[in-house]
Protein backbone atom coordinates (compact mmCIF):
# COMPACT_ATOMS: atom_id res chain seq x y z
CA MET A 1 -0.01 -0.25 0.00
CA SER A 2 1.42 3.60 -0.70
CA SER A 3 -0.08 7.03 -0.65
CA LYS A 4 1.21 10.54 -1.95
CA LYS A 5 1.17 13.68 0.16
CA PRO A 6 2.86 17.26 -0.74
CA PHE A 7 5.99 18.27 1.15
CA PRO A 8 6.64 19.14 3.92
CA LEU A 9 5.13 16.24 5.74
CA PRO A 10 5.48 14.24 8.78
CA LEU A 11 6.30 10.63 8.30
CA SER A 12 3.34 9.52 10.35
CA SER A 13 1.18 11.04 7.49
CA VAL A 14 2.53 8.79 4.72
CA ILE A 15 3.52 5.65 6.01
CA ASP A 16 1.70 2.44 5.63
CA LYS A 17 0.62 1.20 9.11
CA SER A 18 0.96 -2.67 8.01
CA SER A 19 3.51 -4.75 9.63
CA GLY A 20 5.76 -7.53 8.71
CA THR A 21 8.19 -9.83 10.78
CA GLN A 22 11.33 -11.86 9.87
CA SER A 23 12.94 -14.61 11.63
CA GLN A 24 16.37 -14.90 12.45
CA GLY A 25 18.85 -17.14 13.73
CA THR A 26 22.52 -17.44 14.68
CA LYS A 27 25.05 -20.22 14.37
CA SER A 28 28.37 -21.09 16.30
CA PHE A 29 31.48 -22.44 14.30
CA ARG A 30 34.05 -24.55 16.04
CA VAL A 31 37.62 -23.94 14.84
CA ALA A 32 40.02 -27.25 14.63
CA THR A 33 43.16 -26.92 15.97
CA PRO A 34 45.88 -27.64 13.05
CA GLN A 35 48.52 -30.19 13.63
CA THR A 36 52.06 -28.09 14.08
CA ALA A 37 55.48 -28.69 13.11
CA THR A 38 56.37 -28.81 16.78
CA GLN A 39 54.27 -31.91 17.38
CA ASN A 40 55.37 -33.64 14.27
CA ALA A 41 59.23 -33.13 15.47
CA ALA A 42 58.14 -34.60 18.69
CA HIS A 43 56.31 -37.59 17.40
CA SER A 44 59.64 -38.23 15.28
CA LEU A 45 61.87 -38.00 18.36
CA ALA A 46 59.86 -40.79 20.16
CA ASN A 47 59.70 -42.76 17.21
CA THR A 48 63.82 -42.83 17.09
CA ALA A 49 64.18 -43.44 20.81
CA ARG A 50 62.08 -46.74 20.36
CA GLN A 51 63.70 -47.85 16.86
CA LYS A 52 67.33 -47.00 17.51
CA THR A 53 68.67 -50.01 15.41
CA LEU A 54 66.57 -49.43 12.48
CA PRO A 55 67.07 -46.78 9.68
CA VAL A 56 64.92 -43.62 10.49
CA GLN A 57 62.71 -42.81 7.56
CA PRO A 58 62.15 -38.87 7.43
CA ARG A 59 58.26 -38.11 8.65
CA PRO A 60 56.55 -35.64 6.55
CA VAL A 61 55.36 -32.44 7.99
CA VAL A 62 51.72 -32.02 6.56
CA LEU A 63 50.60 -28.41 7.03
CA ILE A 64 46.78 -28.02 7.30
CA PRO A 65 45.84 -24.75 5.51
CA GLN A 66 44.32 -21.85 7.68
CA GLU A 67 43.51 -18.19 7.31
CA LEU A 68 46.44 -15.96 8.54
CA PRO A 69 45.72 -13.90 11.78
CA GLU A 70 44.10 -10.76 11.05
CA GLN A 71 43.71 -7.26 13.21
CA GLY A 72 42.90 -8.54 16.85
CA GLY A 73 44.86 -11.53 16.57
CA SER A 74 41.78 -13.76 15.84
CA LEU A 75 41.86 -16.62 13.22
CA VAL A 76 39.19 -15.71 10.81
CA SER A 77 38.05 -17.91 8.24
CA ALA A 78 36.63 -16.54 4.88
CA ALA A 79 34.44 -19.56 4.77
CA VAL A 80 32.64 -18.49 7.81
CA ARG A 81 32.02 -14.94 6.49
CA LYS A 82 30.56 -16.71 3.62
CA ALA A 83 28.33 -18.90 5.42
CA MET A 84 27.16 -15.49 6.86
CA VAL A 85 26.31 -14.22 3.52
CA ALA A 86 24.56 -17.43 2.77
CA ARG A 87 22.58 -17.21 5.63
CA VAL A 88 21.56 -13.55 4.72
CA ALA A 89 20.60 -14.74 1.28
CA SER A 90 18.40 -17.50 2.83
CA GLN A 91 16.68 -14.80 4.63
CA GLY A 92 15.40 -13.37 1.47
CA VAL A 93 18.03 -10.95 0.41
CA LYS A 94 18.77 -11.52 -3.35
CA ASP A 95 20.68 -8.76 -4.77
CA GLN A 96 23.98 -10.47 -5.93
CA VAL A 97 26.02 -6.92 -5.66
CA VAL A 98 24.79 -6.49 -2.13
CA LEU A 99 25.89 -10.18 -1.17
CA ALA A 100 29.19 -9.77 -2.66
CA ALA A 101 29.77 -6.44 -0.65
CA LEU A 102 28.68 -8.25 2.50
CA ASP A 103 31.29 -10.98 1.59
CA ALA A 104 34.28 -8.41 0.79
CA ILE A 105 34.02 -6.38 4.09
CA PRO A 106 35.82 -8.24 7.05
CA ARG A 107 33.04 -7.37 9.92
CA HIS A 108 35.35 -8.50 12.74
CA LEU A 109 37.72 -5.75 12.21
CA PHE A 110 34.75 -3.44 13.40
CA VAL A 111 33.60 -5.41 16.58
CA GLN A 112 35.59 -4.87 19.71
CA PRO A 113 38.48 -7.75 20.14
CA GLY A 114 36.41 -9.73 22.85
CA LEU A 115 33.51 -10.00 20.61
CA ALA A 116 35.50 -11.37 17.29
CA SER A 117 34.57 -14.60 17.81
CA GLN A 118 30.72 -13.62 17.37
CA ALA A 119 31.53 -11.36 14.66
CA TYR A 120 29.53 -13.19 11.81
CA ILE A 121 26.66 -14.40 13.78
CA ASP A 122 23.49 -12.53 12.47
CA ALA A 123 23.21 -10.45 15.45
CA SER A 124 23.87 -6.59 16.58
CA LEU A 125 26.79 -6.35 18.64
CA PRO A 126 27.69 -3.39 21.39
CA ILE A 127 30.23 -0.92 20.07
CA GLY A 128 29.90 1.29 23.22
CA HIS A 129 28.21 4.57 24.17
CA HIS A 130 25.02 2.58 24.22
CA GLN A 131 25.18 1.84 20.29
CA THR A 132 25.27 -1.08 18.27
CA ILE A 133 26.88 -2.44 14.68
CA SER A 134 23.45 -3.50 13.03
CA GLN A 135 23.15 -7.25 12.25
CA PRO A 136 24.42 -8.53 8.88
CA TYR A 137 20.82 -9.31 7.68
CA ILE A 138 19.59 -5.54 8.31
CA VAL A 139 22.45 -4.14 6.49
CA ALA A 140 22.07 -6.24 3.35
CA ARG A 141 18.17 -5.68 3.44
CA MET A 142 18.35 -1.76 3.89
CA ILE A 143 21.09 -1.38 0.95
CA GLU A 144 18.84 -3.77 -1.19
CA VAL A 145 15.86 -1.69 -0.90
CA MET A 146 17.91 1.31 -1.67
CA ARG A 147 19.40 0.00 -4.70
CA ASN A 148 16.14 -1.15 -6.07
CA ASN A 149 15.47 1.95 -7.80
CA SER A 150 14.24 3.02 -11.16
CA ARG A 151 18.02 3.86 -12.01
CA GLY A 152 18.78 0.12 -12.44
CA GLY A 153 20.72 0.08 -8.92
CA VAL A 154 23.14 3.16 -9.77
CA LEU A 155 23.82 5.22 -6.81
CA ASN A 156 26.10 8.40 -7.33
CA GLN A 157 25.76 9.57 -3.90
CA VAL A 158 24.30 8.12 -0.72
CA LEU A 159 24.27 9.51 2.80
CA GLU A 160 24.31 7.27 5.94
CA ILE A 161 22.99 8.65 9.26
CA GLY A 162 24.75 7.19 12.17
CA THR A 163 28.38 5.85 11.29
CA GLY A 164 28.84 3.94 14.21
CA CYS A 165 32.05 1.63 13.90
CA GLY A 166 31.99 2.45 10.23
CA TYR A 167 31.02 -1.36 9.04
CA GLN A 168 27.83 -0.29 7.10
CA ALA A 169 29.70 2.83 5.38
CA ALA A 170 32.21 0.11 4.08
CA VAL A 171 29.65 -2.16 2.80
CA LEU A 172 27.82 1.02 1.20
CA SER A 173 31.11 1.92 -0.26
CA ARG A 174 31.02 -1.23 -2.60
CA VAL A 175 27.89 -0.40 -4.14
CA ALA A 176 27.84 3.46 -4.53
CA LYS A 177 30.22 5.77 -6.02
CA GLU A 178 30.52 8.24 -3.02
CA VAL A 179 29.30 7.29 0.51
CA TYR A 180 28.87 10.05 3.12
CA SER A 181 28.13 9.12 6.86
CA ILE A 182 27.50 11.36 9.88
CA GLU A 183 28.16 10.20 13.33
CA ARG A 184 27.02 12.59 16.42
CA ILE A 185 28.95 10.93 19.02
CA LYS A 186 32.51 12.11 18.73
CA PRO A 187 34.40 8.92 20.15
CA LEU A 188 32.49 6.84 17.55
CA HIS A 189 33.40 9.16 14.89
CA GLU A 190 36.81 8.58 15.87
CA LEU A 191 36.53 4.81 16.02
CA ALA A 192 35.07 4.72 12.53
CA LYS A 193 38.10 6.51 11.13
CA GLN A 194 40.54 4.15 12.92
CA ASN A 195 38.52 1.12 11.70
CA LEU A 196 38.56 2.23 8.16
CA ARG A 197 41.74 3.29 7.92
CA PRO A 198 43.48 0.31 7.27
CA LEU A 199 41.05 -0.64 4.38
CA ARG A 200 41.95 2.31 2.47
CA ILE A 201 38.45 2.85 1.06
CA ALA A 202 38.73 6.15 -1.04
CA ASN A 203 35.06 6.82 -1.51
CA ILE A 204 33.85 7.16 2.25
CA ARG A 205 33.42 10.85 3.50
CA LEU A 206 32.91 10.76 7.38
CA HIS A 207 31.34 13.79 9.09
CA TYR A 208 31.22 14.54 12.73
CA GLY A 209 27.80 16.32 13.27
CA ASP A 210 24.07 16.03 13.69
CA GLY A 211 22.78 13.39 11.34
CA MET A 212 19.21 14.86 11.59
CA LEU A 213 20.30 18.13 9.37
CA GLY A 214 21.86 15.92 6.89
CA LEU A 215 24.25 17.50 4.39
CA GLU A 216 22.61 19.86 2.40
CA GLN A 217 25.96 21.17 0.90
CA VAL A 218 26.35 17.98 -0.68
CA ALA A 219 22.67 16.86 -1.52
CA PRO A 220 20.58 15.69 -3.29
CA PHE A 221 21.46 12.11 -2.87
CA ASP A 222 20.60 9.06 -4.62
CA GLY A 223 20.14 7.11 -1.30
CA ILE A 224 19.70 7.85 2.40
CA ILE A 225 19.90 5.26 5.08
CA LEU A 226 19.03 5.68 8.76
CA ALA A 227 20.67 3.59 11.23
CA ALA A 228 18.72 4.95 14.08
CA ALA A 229 14.94 5.00 14.79
CA GLY A 230 13.02 8.01 15.31
CA MET A 231 9.18 8.61 15.63
CA GLU A 232 9.10 10.03 11.98
CA VAL A 233 11.95 10.72 9.14
CA PRO A 234 13.53 14.39 9.60
CA GLN A 235 11.80 16.59 6.91
CA THR A 236 15.45 18.06 6.31
CA LEU A 237 16.14 14.55 5.19
CA LEU A 238 13.19 14.22 2.75
CA ALA A 239 14.24 17.56 1.29
CA GLN A 240 17.89 16.14 0.48
CA LEU A 241 16.62 13.09 -1.29
CA ALA A 242 17.05 13.31 -4.98
CA ILE A 243 13.85 12.54 -7.42
CA GLY A 244 13.71 9.09 -7.96
CA GLY A 245 16.00 8.69 -4.68
CA ARG A 246 14.93 6.14 -1.90
CA LEU A 247 15.44 6.65 2.11
CA VAL A 248 15.43 3.64 4.21
CA ALA A 249 14.69 4.20 7.77
CA PRO A 250 13.45 2.35 10.94
CA VAL A 251 10.49 4.23 12.54
CA GLY A 252 9.09 3.86 15.99
CA ASP A 253 9.93 3.73 19.87
CA ARG A 254 9.81 0.19 21.23
CA ARG A 255 7.95 -1.55 18.14
CA GLN A 256 10.10 -0.30 15.00
CA MET A 257 8.95 -0.78 11.50
CA LEU A 258 11.23 -0.36 8.44
CA HIS A 259 9.98 1.89 6.14
CA LEU A 260 10.91 3.09 2.51
CA ILE A 261 10.06 6.53 1.00
CA GLU A 262 10.88 7.26 -2.29
CA ARG A 263 10.70 10.93 -3.59
CA VAL A 264 8.70 10.86 -7.34
CA SER A 265 8.51 14.50 -7.55
CA GLN A 266 9.70 17.76 -6.59
CA SER A 267 6.94 17.89 -4.10
CA GLU A 268 5.66 14.09 -3.43
CA TRP A 269 6.95 11.31 -1.86
CA VAL A 270 5.63 7.63 -1.64
CA SER A 271 6.08 5.63 1.41
CA SER A 272 5.94 1.74 2.36
CA THR A 273 6.08 -0.24 5.28
CA LEU A 274 8.52 -3.35 4.95
CA GLU A 275 9.19 -5.27 8.03
CA GLU A 276 9.83 -5.28 11.88
CA CYS A 277 13.33 -4.23 13.13
CA HIS A 278 15.13 -2.83 16.15
CA PHE A 279 17.49 -0.03 16.24
CA VAL A 280 18.78 2.49 18.93
CA PRO A 281 16.98 5.81 18.93
CA LEU A 282 17.76 8.74 16.75
CA ARG A 283 18.65 11.87 18.59
CA PRO A 284 19.62 15.19 17.37
CA GLY A 285 22.77 17.31 18.54
CA THR A 286 26.28 16.14 18.94
CA ILE A 287 28.11 14.66 22.00
């Protein structure tokens, strides 16, 4: 169901009140300890001691392939990340460009070291300051919806409200030419810069400021994603959406619904309700 209203307008006047649900699941992965050269050497010495009178045949050392340690010192298998992507696809995300972007970004680099082992489960995780890194499914789902535009998925400029640790911005960088991301919490803005620096992503522009104001100096945007839920979408952001562009945002308080708003003309927006979700609150100002 959709409706058309002239601008300006509160989101409550354009949203479809229907609801949807989605099921989520998590999986744990056991990492097998590889046989080491030290163990092989010890075994060989023991055989030598027992068979002094017999010629000793060299015992081959079998090396089991494994991933090299990455940032944080944890062994993270690419297969685990692919399993995460497959799980997201099984939940309904079909856009292959989005799935490839999810597969390309190492999520464990964006979580706290103590949570690295949980980086690829389908759940949000704390990043400090009462904020979270969004679950992989919802990241993929929101980007897929934003890409499904009348321009065949072309996104020249996108705006993210709520940088957090920088993970979603990194995924967005694989599907859009330019990514602008705003964070209102200074320590998280700095954390995102720290997390993104080793990846050397050239098309992300991080801003510290009030996300509810958007970036008028850069607008219009082909897509806007809000990583926090308000009772309505700020009209300032609706005005910064390009004609033909799509804005995806969670709306609500305790019960939140994901909404899509498309700008169809200079003064018309069409809104539809997608599914249930859960985000931290959208707040004004900076801290």
